[in-house]
Amino acid sequence: MYVSEFQRHEVFKWLEEQMGPERASIMMDLLPPVGWGDVVTTRDLHAEVGGLRSEMQAGFAELRAEMHAAHSGLLVKLFFGMVASNATLVGLVLTATRLS
C-alpha cells in the first residue's frame, strides 16, 4: 500500500497534537519512507546472499575448468615449441661446425 506525502503529513499533524512536536518527529523518523512491503527483511537478505553465493561458486567452478583446459593446451604447445626450437638450434650448430 502506497502512502502519499499528504497522508504522511496528516499522520504527523495528528501525532504532533497527541504527543507534541518532538515526539511526533521521532515517530515519523521511525517510519519507513515507503510502504512496509518495500522494506527488506533480514530473511530476504540472507536468501538473496545465498543465491548470489551459489551463482558465484558455479561461475568460479566454470572459470577454473576453462582455465585448466586452456592451461593444459598451453603446456602442450609450449613443450612442442621448445622441442622444435631445440631441434633448430642443434641443426644450426651442426651446420656451423660443418662449414668451419
Foldseek 3Di string as FASTA:
>chain_A
DWDDPVNLVVQLVVCCVVPNNVVSVVVSVPDDPTDPVPDDDPVNVVVVVVVVVVVVVVVVVVVVVVVVVVVVVVVVVVVVVVVVVVVVVVVVVVVVVVVD
